[in-house]
N, C-alpha and C. Protein backbone atom coordinates (compact mmCIF):
# COMPACT_ATOMS: atom_id res chain seq x y z
N MET A 1 0.84 -1.19 0.00
CA MET A 1 0.00 0.00 0.00
C MET A 1 0.88 1.25 0.00
N ILE A 2 0.57 2.16 -0.90
CA ILE A 2 1.33 3.41 -0.99
C ILE A 2 0.65 4.46 -0.12
N ILE A 3 1.44 5.11 0.72
CA ILE A 3 0.92 6.17 1.57
C ILE A 3 1.52 7.49 1.09
N HIS A 4 0.65 8.46 0.85
CA HIS A 4 1.09 9.76 0.36
C HIS A 4 1.06 10.78 1.49
N ASP A 5 2.00 11.69 1.46
CA ASP A 5 1.99 12.83 2.37
C ASP A 5 1.02 13.84 1.77
N MET A 6 -0.21 13.84 2.24
CA MET A 6 -1.25 14.66 1.63
C MET A 6 -1.00 16.15 1.80
N GLU A 7 -0.38 16.55 2.88
CA GLU A 7 -0.08 17.99 3.04
C GLU A 7 0.90 18.44 1.96
N LYS A 8 1.89 17.61 1.69
CA LYS A 8 2.85 17.92 0.64
C LYS A 8 2.17 17.87 -0.73
N ALA A 9 1.32 16.88 -0.94
CA ALA A 9 0.59 16.74 -2.20
C ALA A 9 -0.31 17.95 -2.44
N LYS A 10 -0.96 18.44 -1.41
CA LYS A 10 -1.83 19.62 -1.55
C LYS A 10 -1.01 20.85 -1.95
N GLU A 11 0.15 21.00 -1.35
CA GLU A 11 1.00 22.15 -1.68
C GLU A 11 1.52 22.04 -3.12
N ILE A 12 1.89 20.84 -3.53
CA ILE A 12 2.33 20.61 -4.91
C ILE A 12 1.18 20.95 -5.87
N TRP A 13 -0.03 20.54 -5.53
CA TRP A 13 -1.19 20.81 -6.39
C TRP A 13 -1.47 22.31 -6.46
N ARG A 14 -1.37 22.99 -5.33
CA ARG A 14 -1.56 24.45 -5.33
C ARG A 14 -0.53 25.13 -6.23
N ASN A 15 0.70 24.68 -6.16
CA ASN A 15 1.75 25.26 -7.00
C ASN A 15 1.50 24.97 -8.48
N LYS A 16 0.98 23.79 -8.78
CA LYS A 16 0.64 23.45 -10.17
C LYS A 16 -0.46 24.39 -10.67
N ILE A 17 -1.43 24.67 -9.84
CA ILE A 17 -2.50 25.61 -10.19
C ILE A 17 -1.91 27.00 -10.42
N ARG A 18 -1.03 27.42 -9.54
CA ARG A 18 -0.41 28.74 -9.68
C ARG A 18 0.37 28.87 -11.00
N ARG A 19 1.09 27.82 -11.36
CA ARG A 19 1.84 27.85 -12.62
C ARG A 19 0.89 27.90 -13.82
N ALA A 20 -0.20 27.15 -13.74
CA ALA A 20 -1.16 27.11 -14.85
C ALA A 20 -1.87 28.45 -15.02
N ARG A 21 -2.14 29.13 -13.94
CA ARG A 21 -2.90 30.37 -14.04
C ARG A 21 -2.05 31.58 -14.43
N THR A 22 -0.74 31.51 -14.28
CA THR A 22 0.13 32.65 -14.55
C THR A 22 -0.04 33.20 -15.97
N PRO A 23 0.07 32.37 -17.02
CA PRO A 23 -0.11 32.94 -18.37
C PRO A 23 -1.54 33.39 -18.64
N ILE A 24 -2.50 32.76 -17.99
CA ILE A 24 -3.90 33.16 -18.18
C ILE A 24 -4.12 34.54 -17.57
N LEU A 25 -3.57 34.77 -16.38
CA LEU A 25 -3.69 36.08 -15.74
C LEU A 25 -3.00 37.15 -16.57
N ALA A 26 -1.86 36.83 -17.16
CA ALA A 26 -1.15 37.80 -18.00
C ALA A 26 -2.00 38.17 -19.22
N GLU A 27 -2.63 37.18 -19.82
CA GLU A 27 -3.50 37.43 -20.97
C GLU A 27 -4.71 38.28 -20.56
N LEU A 28 -5.26 37.99 -19.39
CA LEU A 28 -6.39 38.77 -18.90
C LEU A 28 -5.99 40.21 -18.58
N ASP A 29 -4.77 40.41 -18.11
CA ASP A 29 -4.28 41.76 -17.87
C ASP A 29 -4.29 42.58 -19.16
N VAL A 30 -3.86 41.96 -20.25
CA VAL A 30 -3.87 42.64 -21.55
C VAL A 30 -5.30 42.96 -21.96
N LYS A 31 -6.20 41.98 -21.83
CA LYS A 31 -7.60 42.21 -22.18
C LYS A 31 -8.21 43.32 -21.32
N TYR A 32 -7.83 43.35 -20.05
CA TYR A 32 -8.33 44.37 -19.13
C TYR A 32 -7.89 45.76 -19.59
N MET A 33 -6.62 45.89 -19.92
CA MET A 33 -6.11 47.19 -20.36
C MET A 33 -6.77 47.63 -21.67
N ARG A 34 -6.95 46.70 -22.58
CA ARG A 34 -7.62 47.03 -23.85
C ARG A 34 -9.07 47.45 -23.60
N ALA A 35 -9.73 46.77 -22.69
CA ALA A 35 -11.11 47.12 -22.37
C ALA A 35 -11.19 48.51 -21.76
N LEU A 36 -10.22 48.84 -20.91
CA LEU A 36 -10.19 50.18 -20.33
C LEU A 36 -9.99 51.25 -21.40
N GLU A 37 -9.13 50.95 -22.34
CA GLU A 37 -8.83 51.91 -23.41
C GLU A 37 -10.04 52.16 -24.30
N THR A 38 -10.88 51.16 -24.46
CA THR A 38 -12.03 51.31 -25.34
C THR A 38 -13.33 51.54 -24.57
N ASP A 39 -13.18 51.73 -23.28
CA ASP A 39 -14.35 51.99 -22.42
C ASP A 39 -15.34 50.83 -22.45
N SER A 40 -14.82 49.59 -22.58
CA SER A 40 -15.66 48.39 -22.60
C SER A 40 -15.90 47.90 -21.18
N ASP A 41 -16.84 46.99 -21.06
CA ASP A 41 -17.17 46.40 -19.76
C ASP A 41 -16.03 45.49 -19.29
N ILE A 42 -15.57 45.70 -18.09
CA ILE A 42 -14.45 44.92 -17.55
C ILE A 42 -14.90 43.93 -16.49
N ASN A 43 -16.18 43.89 -16.17
CA ASN A 43 -16.67 43.06 -15.07
C ASN A 43 -16.34 41.58 -15.24
N MET A 44 -16.54 41.03 -16.43
CA MET A 44 -16.26 39.61 -16.64
C MET A 44 -14.77 39.31 -16.47
N ILE A 45 -13.94 40.21 -16.96
CA ILE A 45 -12.48 40.03 -16.82
C ILE A 45 -12.09 40.06 -15.35
N VAL A 46 -12.63 41.00 -14.62
CA VAL A 46 -12.32 41.14 -13.19
C VAL A 46 -12.77 39.90 -12.43
N GLN A 47 -13.95 39.39 -12.73
CA GLN A 47 -14.46 38.19 -12.06
C GLN A 47 -13.59 36.97 -12.36
N LEU A 48 -13.17 36.83 -13.59
CA LEU A 48 -12.32 35.70 -13.98
C LEU A 48 -10.96 35.77 -13.29
N LYS A 49 -10.39 36.97 -13.24
CA LYS A 49 -9.10 37.14 -12.55
C LYS A 49 -9.23 36.80 -11.06
N GLU A 50 -10.34 37.19 -10.46
CA GLU A 50 -10.57 36.90 -9.04
C GLU A 50 -10.70 35.39 -8.82
N GLN A 51 -11.41 34.71 -9.71
CA GLN A 51 -11.53 33.25 -9.62
C GLN A 51 -10.15 32.59 -9.67
N LEU A 52 -9.33 33.05 -10.60
CA LEU A 52 -7.99 32.47 -10.75
C LEU A 52 -7.12 32.75 -9.53
N ARG A 53 -7.23 33.95 -8.99
CA ARG A 53 -6.44 34.29 -7.80
C ARG A 53 -6.84 33.42 -6.60
N ASN A 54 -8.11 33.14 -6.48
CA ASN A 54 -8.62 32.38 -5.33
C ASN A 54 -8.54 30.87 -5.49
N TYR A 55 -8.30 30.40 -6.69
CA TYR A 55 -8.35 28.96 -6.97
C TYR A 55 -7.44 28.11 -6.07
N PRO A 56 -6.19 28.51 -5.81
CA PRO A 56 -5.34 27.67 -4.96
C PRO A 56 -5.83 27.56 -3.51
N ASN A 57 -6.75 28.42 -3.12
CA ASN A 57 -7.25 28.42 -1.74
C ASN A 57 -8.61 27.75 -1.60
N ARG A 58 -9.01 27.02 -2.62
CA ARG A 58 -10.32 26.36 -2.57
C ARG A 58 -10.37 25.37 -1.42
N VAL A 59 -11.50 25.33 -0.77
CA VAL A 59 -11.69 24.45 0.38
C VAL A 59 -11.59 22.97 -0.03
N GLU A 60 -11.94 22.66 -1.26
CA GLU A 60 -11.87 21.28 -1.74
C GLU A 60 -10.44 20.74 -1.69
N ILE A 61 -9.49 21.61 -1.90
CA ILE A 61 -8.09 21.17 -1.84
C ILE A 61 -7.75 20.74 -0.41
N GLU A 62 -8.11 21.58 0.53
CA GLU A 62 -7.81 21.27 1.93
C GLU A 62 -8.56 20.03 2.40
N GLN A 63 -9.75 19.81 1.89
CA GLN A 63 -10.56 18.67 2.32
C GLN A 63 -10.19 17.37 1.63
N SER A 64 -9.36 17.42 0.61
CA SER A 64 -8.98 16.21 -0.12
C SER A 64 -8.19 15.26 0.77
N SER A 65 -8.51 13.99 0.65
CA SER A 65 -7.78 13.00 1.44
C SER A 65 -7.04 12.00 0.55
N THR A 66 -7.21 12.13 -0.79
CA THR A 66 -6.50 11.26 -1.72
C THR A 66 -5.98 12.09 -2.90
N ILE A 67 -5.01 11.55 -3.59
CA ILE A 67 -4.47 12.20 -4.78
C ILE A 67 -5.56 12.32 -5.84
N GLU A 68 -6.39 11.31 -5.97
CA GLU A 68 -7.46 11.32 -6.95
C GLU A 68 -8.43 12.47 -6.70
N GLN A 69 -8.74 12.72 -5.44
CA GLN A 69 -9.62 13.84 -5.11
C GLN A 69 -8.98 15.17 -5.50
N LEU A 70 -7.69 15.30 -5.30
CA LEU A 70 -6.99 16.52 -5.71
C LEU A 70 -7.10 16.72 -7.22
N GLN A 71 -6.89 15.65 -7.95
CA GLN A 71 -6.93 15.73 -9.41
C GLN A 71 -8.30 16.11 -9.93
N GLU A 72 -9.35 15.73 -9.23
CA GLU A 72 -10.71 16.05 -9.65
C GLU A 72 -11.03 17.53 -9.51
N ILE A 73 -10.28 18.24 -8.71
CA ILE A 73 -10.54 19.65 -8.45
C ILE A 73 -10.18 20.52 -9.65
N TRP A 74 -9.31 20.04 -10.51
CA TRP A 74 -8.83 20.82 -11.65
C TRP A 74 -9.99 21.21 -12.57
N ASP A 75 -10.10 22.47 -12.89
CA ASP A 75 -11.14 22.98 -13.79
C ASP A 75 -10.51 23.28 -15.14
N THR A 76 -10.72 22.39 -16.12
CA THR A 76 -10.08 22.56 -17.42
C THR A 76 -10.61 23.79 -18.16
N THR A 77 -11.84 24.19 -17.87
CA THR A 77 -12.39 25.39 -18.50
C THR A 77 -11.63 26.63 -18.04
N LEU A 78 -11.31 26.68 -16.78
CA LEU A 78 -10.62 27.83 -16.20
C LEU A 78 -9.10 27.75 -16.37
N LEU A 79 -8.53 26.57 -16.09
CA LEU A 79 -7.07 26.42 -16.03
C LEU A 79 -6.46 25.73 -17.26
N GLY A 80 -7.27 25.19 -18.14
CA GLY A 80 -6.75 24.44 -19.26
C GLY A 80 -6.44 23.00 -18.86
N ASP A 81 -5.77 22.28 -19.74
CA ASP A 81 -5.41 20.89 -19.46
C ASP A 81 -4.41 20.80 -18.33
N LYS A 82 -4.49 19.75 -17.55
CA LYS A 82 -3.57 19.55 -16.44
C LYS A 82 -2.40 18.67 -16.85
N ASP A 83 -1.48 19.25 -17.57
CA ASP A 83 -0.32 18.50 -18.06
C ASP A 83 0.55 18.02 -16.94
């Protein structure tokens, strides 16, 4: 039987999320600036950026007791594929 250090696994998963969201946040920053320049609505961009910022702190991560549960938390729509 393999025993995993779940606290370490959770931190690794949070870091994986942080790495995945970095280019997405950069792209959203560009879209945000362009929207400001054209006086467009920025609400959706702001909400998406907030979701990405908060994602590593999701309660589901802390409540996970297996590696499989951690992997299920990944949102491919928001973060893309989990390479």
